[in-house]
C-alpha atoms as a PDB file:
ATOM      1  CA  UNK A   1      -0.016  -0.033   0.050  1.00  0.00           C
ATOM      2  CA  UNK A   2       1.186   3.575  -0.755  1.00  0.00           C
ATOM      3  CA  UNK A   3       2.219   5.714   2.014  1.00  0.00           C
ATOM      4  CA  UNK A   4      -0.145   8.554   2.547  1.00  0.00           C
ATOM      5  CA  UNK A   5       0.226  11.829   4.480  1.00  0.00           C
ATOM      6  CA  UNK A   6      -2.184  14.686   5.305  1.00  0.00           C
ATOM      7  CA  UNK A   7      -1.127  18.244   4.990  1.00  0.00           C
ATOM      8  CA  UNK A   8      -3.234  19.945   7.617  1.00  0.00           C
ATOM      9  CA  UNK A   9      -1.887  23.539   7.198  1.00  0.00           C
ATOM     10  CA  UNK A  10      -2.673  23.237   3.347  1.00  0.00           C
ATOM     11  CA  UNK A  11      -6.069  21.192   3.520  1.00  0.00           C
ATOM     12  CA  UNK A  12      -7.576  22.875   6.679  1.00  0.00           C
ATOM     13  CA  UNK A  13      -5.734  26.008   7.076  1.00  0.00           C
ATOM     14  CA  UNK A  14      -8.404  27.498   9.654  1.00  0.00           C
ATOM     15  CA  UNK A  15      -7.720  24.234  12.183  1.00  0.00           C
ATOM     16  CA  UNK A  16      -3.999  24.807  11.673  1.00  0.00           C
ATOM     17  CA  UNK A  17      -4.212  28.458  12.678  1.00  0.00           C
ATOM     18  CA  UNK A  18      -6.759  27.363  15.318  1.00  0.00           C
ATOM     19  CA  UNK A  19      -3.803  25.032  16.794  1.00  0.00           C
ATOM     20  CA  UNK A  20      -1.337  27.575  16.186  1.00  0.00           C
ATOM     21  CA  UNK A  21      -3.527  29.996  18.320  1.00  0.00           C
ATOM     22  CA  UNK A  22      -3.561  27.476  21.092  1.00  0.00           C
ATOM     23  CA  UNK A  23      -0.049  27.169  21.296  1.00  0.00           C
ATOM     24  CA  UNK A  24       0.448  31.063  21.299  1.00  0.00           C
ATOM     25  CA  UNK A  25      -2.275  31.410  23.867  1.00  0.00           C
ATOM     26  CA  UNK A  26      -0.873  28.926  26.260  1.00  0.00           C
ATOM     27  CA  UNK A  27       2.077  31.340  26.962  1.00  0.00           C
ATOM     28  CA  UNK A  28       5.296  30.629  28.865  1.00  0.00           C
ATOM     29  CA  UNK A  29       5.658  28.219  31.551  1.00  0.00           C
ATOM     30  CA  UNK A  30       9.210  29.691  32.175  1.00  0.00           C
ATOM     31  CA  UNK A  31      12.661  28.171  33.019  1.00  0.00           C
ATOM     32  CA  UNK A  32      12.805  26.348  29.774  1.00  0.00           C
ATOM     33  CA  UNK A  33       9.683  24.191  30.991  1.00  0.00           C
ATOM     34  CA  UNK A  34       7.744  24.717  27.616  1.00  0.00           C
ATOM     35  CA  UNK A  35      10.403  22.761  25.651  1.00  0.00           C
ATOM     36  CA  UNK A  36      10.865  20.159  28.197  1.00  0.00           C
ATOM     37  CA  UNK A  37       7.013  19.343  28.197  1.00  0.00           C
ATOM     38  CA  UNK A  38       7.180  19.325  24.300  1.00  0.00           C
ATOM     39  CA  UNK A  39      10.078  16.962  24.250  1.00  0.00           C
ATOM     40  CA  UNK A  40       8.625  14.560  26.901  1.00  0.00           C
ATOM     41  CA  UNK A  41       5.300  14.266  25.004  1.00  0.00           C
ATOM     42  CA  UNK A  42       7.404  14.046  21.607  1.00  0.00           C
ATOM     43  CA  UNK A  43       9.366  11.041  22.900  1.00  0.00           C
ATOM     44  CA  UNK A  44       6.188   9.514  24.212  1.00  0.00           C
ATOM     45  CA  UNK A  45       4.379   9.899  20.943  1.00  0.00           C
ATOM     46  CA  UNK A  46       7.610   9.015  19.036  1.00  0.00           C
ATOM     47  CA  UNK A  47       7.507  12.101  16.756  1.00  0.00           C
ATOM     48  CA  UNK A  48      11.168  12.341  15.270  1.00  0.00           C
ATOM     49  CA  UNK A  49      10.194  15.787  13.630  1.00  0.00           C
ATOM     50  CA  UNK A  50       8.883  17.264  16.922  1.00  0.00           C
ATOM     51  CA  UNK A  51      11.754  15.771  18.872  1.00  0.00           C
ATOM     52  CA  UNK A  52      14.384  17.445  16.727  1.00  0.00           C
ATOM     53  CA  UNK A  53      12.523  20.843  16.601  1.00  0.00           C
ATOM     54  CA  UNK A  54      12.156  21.099  20.242  1.00  0.00           C
ATOM     55  CA  UNK A  55      15.545  19.760  20.984  1.00  0.00           C
ATOM     56  CA  UNK A  56      17.014  22.685  18.898  1.00  0.00           C
ATOM     57  CA  UNK A  57      14.721  25.144  20.535  1.00  0.00           C
ATOM     58  CA  UNK A  58      15.627  24.129  24.178  1.00  0.00           C
ATOM     59  CA  UNK A  59      19.190  24.462  23.387  1.00  0.00           C
ATOM     60  CA  UNK A  60      18.721  27.763  21.943  1.00  0.00           C
ATOM     61  CA  UNK A  61      17.002  28.588  25.159  1.00  0.00           C
ATOM     62  CA  UNK A  62      19.918  27.589  27.093  1.00  0.00           C
ATOM     63  CA  UNK A  63      19.146  23.947  28.142  1.00  0.00           C
ATOM     64  CA  UNK A  64      22.199  21.873  28.292  1.00  0.00           C
ATOM     65  CA  UNK A  65      22.496  18.994  25.940  1.00  0.00           C
ATOM     66  CA  UNK A  66      23.260  16.317  28.693  1.00  0.00           C
ATOM     67  CA  UNK A  67      20.260  17.266  30.542  1.00  0.00           C
ATOM     68  CA  UNK A  68      17.985  16.836  27.385  1.00  0.00           C
ATOM     69  CA  UNK A  69      19.884  13.418  27.096  1.00  0.00           C
ATOM     70  CA  UNK A  70      18.139  12.449  30.132  1.00  0.00           C
ATOM     71  CA  UNK A  71      14.577  13.231  29.216  1.00  0.00           C
ATOM     72  CA  UNK A  72      13.776   9.696  28.021  1.00  0.00           C
ATOM     73  CA  UNK A  73      14.696   8.460  31.552  1.00  0.00           C
ATOM     74  CA  UNK A  74      13.757  11.474  33.665  1.00  0.00           C
ATOM     75  CA  UNK A  75      12.369   9.439  36.351  1.00  0.00           C
ATOM     76  CA  UNK A  76      15.636   7.771  37.229  1.00  0.00           C
ATOM     77  CA  UNK A  77      17.600  10.920  36.689  1.00  0.00           C
ATOM     78  CA  UNK A  78      18.399  13.435  39.383  1.00  0.00           C
ATOM     79  CA  UNK A  79      18.818  16.233  36.754  1.00  0.00           C
ATOM     80  CA  UNK A  80      15.400  17.710  37.081  1.00  0.00           C
ATOM     81  CA  UNK A  81      13.656  19.830  39.695  1.00  0.00           C
ATOM     82  CA  UNK A  82      10.265  18.744  41.684  1.00  0.00           C
ATOM     83  CA  UNK A  83       8.388  21.223  39.320  1.00  0.00           C
ATOM     84  CA  UNK A  84       9.792  19.878  36.208  1.00  0.00           C
ATOM     85  CA  UNK A  85       9.005  16.147  37.410  1.00  0.00           C
ATOM     86  CA  UNK A  86       5.627  17.060  38.087  1.00  0.00           C
ATOM     87  CA  UNK A  87       5.069  18.807  34.605  1.00  0.00           C
ATOM     88  CA  UNK A  88       6.565  15.709  33.275  1.00  0.00           C
ATOM     89  CA  UNK A  89       4.409  13.553  35.074  1.00  0.00           C
ATOM     90  CA  UNK A  90       1.522  15.011  33.980  1.00  0.00           C
ATOM     91  CA  UNK A  91       2.718  15.134  30.318  1.00  0.00           C
ATOM     92  CA  UNK A  92       3.176  11.522  30.228  1.00  0.00           C
ATOM     93  CA  UNK A  93      -0.052  10.827  31.997  1.00  0.00           C
ATOM     94  CA  UNK A  94      -2.070  12.966  29.587  1.00  0.00           C
ATOM     95  CA  UNK A  95      -0.099  11.867  26.408  1.00  0.00           C
ATOM     96  CA  UNK A  96      -0.010   7.987  27.075  1.00  0.00           C
ATOM     97  CA  UNK A  97      -3.207   6.177  26.694  1.00  0.00           C
ATOM     98  CA  UNK A  98      -2.793   3.413  29.621  1.00  0.00           C
ATOM     99  CA  UNK A  99      -1.849   6.190  31.939  1.00  0.00           C
ATOM    100  CA  UNK A 100      -5.066   8.351  31.625  1.00  0.00           C
ATOM    101  CA  UNK A 101      -6.600   6.596  34.826  1.00  0.00           C
ATOM    102  CA  UNK A 102      -3.839   8.560  36.738  1.00  0.00           C
ATOM    103  CA  UNK A 103      -4.820  12.035  35.705  1.00  0.00           C
ATOM    104  CA  UNK A 104      -6.223  12.959  39.108  1.00  0.00           C
ATOM    105  CA  UNK A 105      -3.251  11.936  41.051  1.00  0.00           C
ATOM    106  CA  UNK A 106      -0.972  13.681  38.591  1.00  0.00           C
ATOM    107  CA  UNK A 107      -3.197  16.803  38.639  1.00  0.00           C
ATOM    108  CA  UNK A 108      -2.896  16.877  42.415  1.00  0.00           C
ATOM    109  CA  UNK A 109       0.772  16.408  42.289  1.00  0.00           C
ATOM    110  CA  UNK A 110       1.284  19.134  39.619  1.00  0.00           C
ATOM    111  CA  UNK A 111      -0.891  21.279  41.798  1.00  0.00           C
ATOM    112  CA  UNK A 112       1.484  21.229  44.382  1.00  0.00           C
ATOM    113  CA  UNK A 113       4.109  22.899  42.217  1.00  0.00           C
ATOM    114  CA  UNK A 114       2.130  25.351  39.950  1.00  0.00           C
ATOM    115  CA  UNK A 115      -0.789  27.693  40.930  1.00  0.00           C
ATOM    116  CA  UNK A 116      -4.132  27.370  38.935  1.00  0.00           C
ATOM    117  CA  UNK A 117      -3.157  29.761  36.058  1.00  0.00           C
ATOM    118  CA  UNK A 118       0.272  27.889  35.475  1.00  0.00           C
ATOM    119  CA  UNK A 119      -1.457  24.301  35.805  1.00  0.00           C
ATOM    120  CA  UNK A 120      -3.927  25.516  33.035  1.00  0.00           C
ATOM    121  CA  UNK A 121      -0.830  26.976  31.066  1.00  0.00           C
ATOM    122  CA  UNK A 122       0.878  23.361  31.409  1.00  0.00           C
ATOM    123  CA  UNK A 123      -2.464  21.206  30.418  1.00  0.00           C
ATOM    124  CA  UNK A 124      -2.697  23.657  27.325  1.00  0.00           C
ATOM    125  CA  UNK A 125       0.707  23.075  26.428  1.00  0.00           C
ATOM    126  CA  UNK A 126       0.363  19.457  26.812  1.00  0.00           C
ATOM    127  CA  UNK A 127      -2.912  19.360  24.588  1.00  0.00           C
ATOM    128  CA  UNK A 128      -1.123  21.509  21.994  1.00  0.00           C
ATOM    129  CA  UNK A 129       2.014  19.339  21.630  1.00  0.00           C
ATOM    130  CA  UNK A 130       0.012  16.222  21.609  1.00  0.00           C
ATOM    131  CA  UNK A 131      -1.969  17.820  18.544  1.00  0.00           C
ATOM    132  CA  UNK A 132       1.473  18.997  16.864  1.00  0.00           C
ATOM    133  CA  UNK A 133       2.784  15.320  17.363  1.00  0.00           C
ATOM    134  CA  UNK A 134       0.098  13.660  15.829  1.00  0.00           C
ATOM    135  CA  UNK A 135      -0.258  16.145  12.975  1.00  0.00           C
ATOM    136  CA  UNK A 136       3.442  15.857  12.201  1.00  0.00           C
ATOM    137  CA  UNK A 137       3.297  12.071  12.216  1.00  0.00           C
ATOM    138  CA  UNK A 138       0.202  12.044   9.865  1.00  0.00           C
ATOM    139  CA  UNK A 139       2.042  14.872   7.752  1.00  0.00           C
ATOM    140  CA  UNK A 140       5.155  12.346   7.405  1.00  0.00           C
ATOM    141  CA  UNK A 141       7.307  15.208   8.648  1.00  0.00           C
ATOM    142  CA  UNK A 142      10.842  13.998   8.545  1.00  0.00           C
ATOM    143  CA  UNK A 143      13.142  14.618  11.689  1.00  0.00           C
ATOM    144  CA  UNK A 144      15.041  17.721  11.573  1.00  0.00           C
END
């Protein structure tokens, strides 16, 4: 069967713009956490294009390559703060289907590190990057 791809930007420009607007409206989480969240979701979704894109952005934002290399095994690493760990746990929970039953627990843990507005921003970032990952995968975007 021939490989088929979807170009959402071309075929549904309004939907593409809406997703871009969601991403912009999420604002910044600070301390480079935006790119960390995007990388954790992109690793979970195996989106090579987004991993390459957000690794490059994280490095430009001042993240250390050695620290970024620890992201796939963040649970075993001591390279991340409690705030980052809470964000990464919630990201994985909202990204990986078999973890969705743990959303309440992870939201409670994240609420210990984030105020209400920050928590809403975090969830918006997670929702947006998951949509971007799936769009990039469906679009057949190559890594890098």
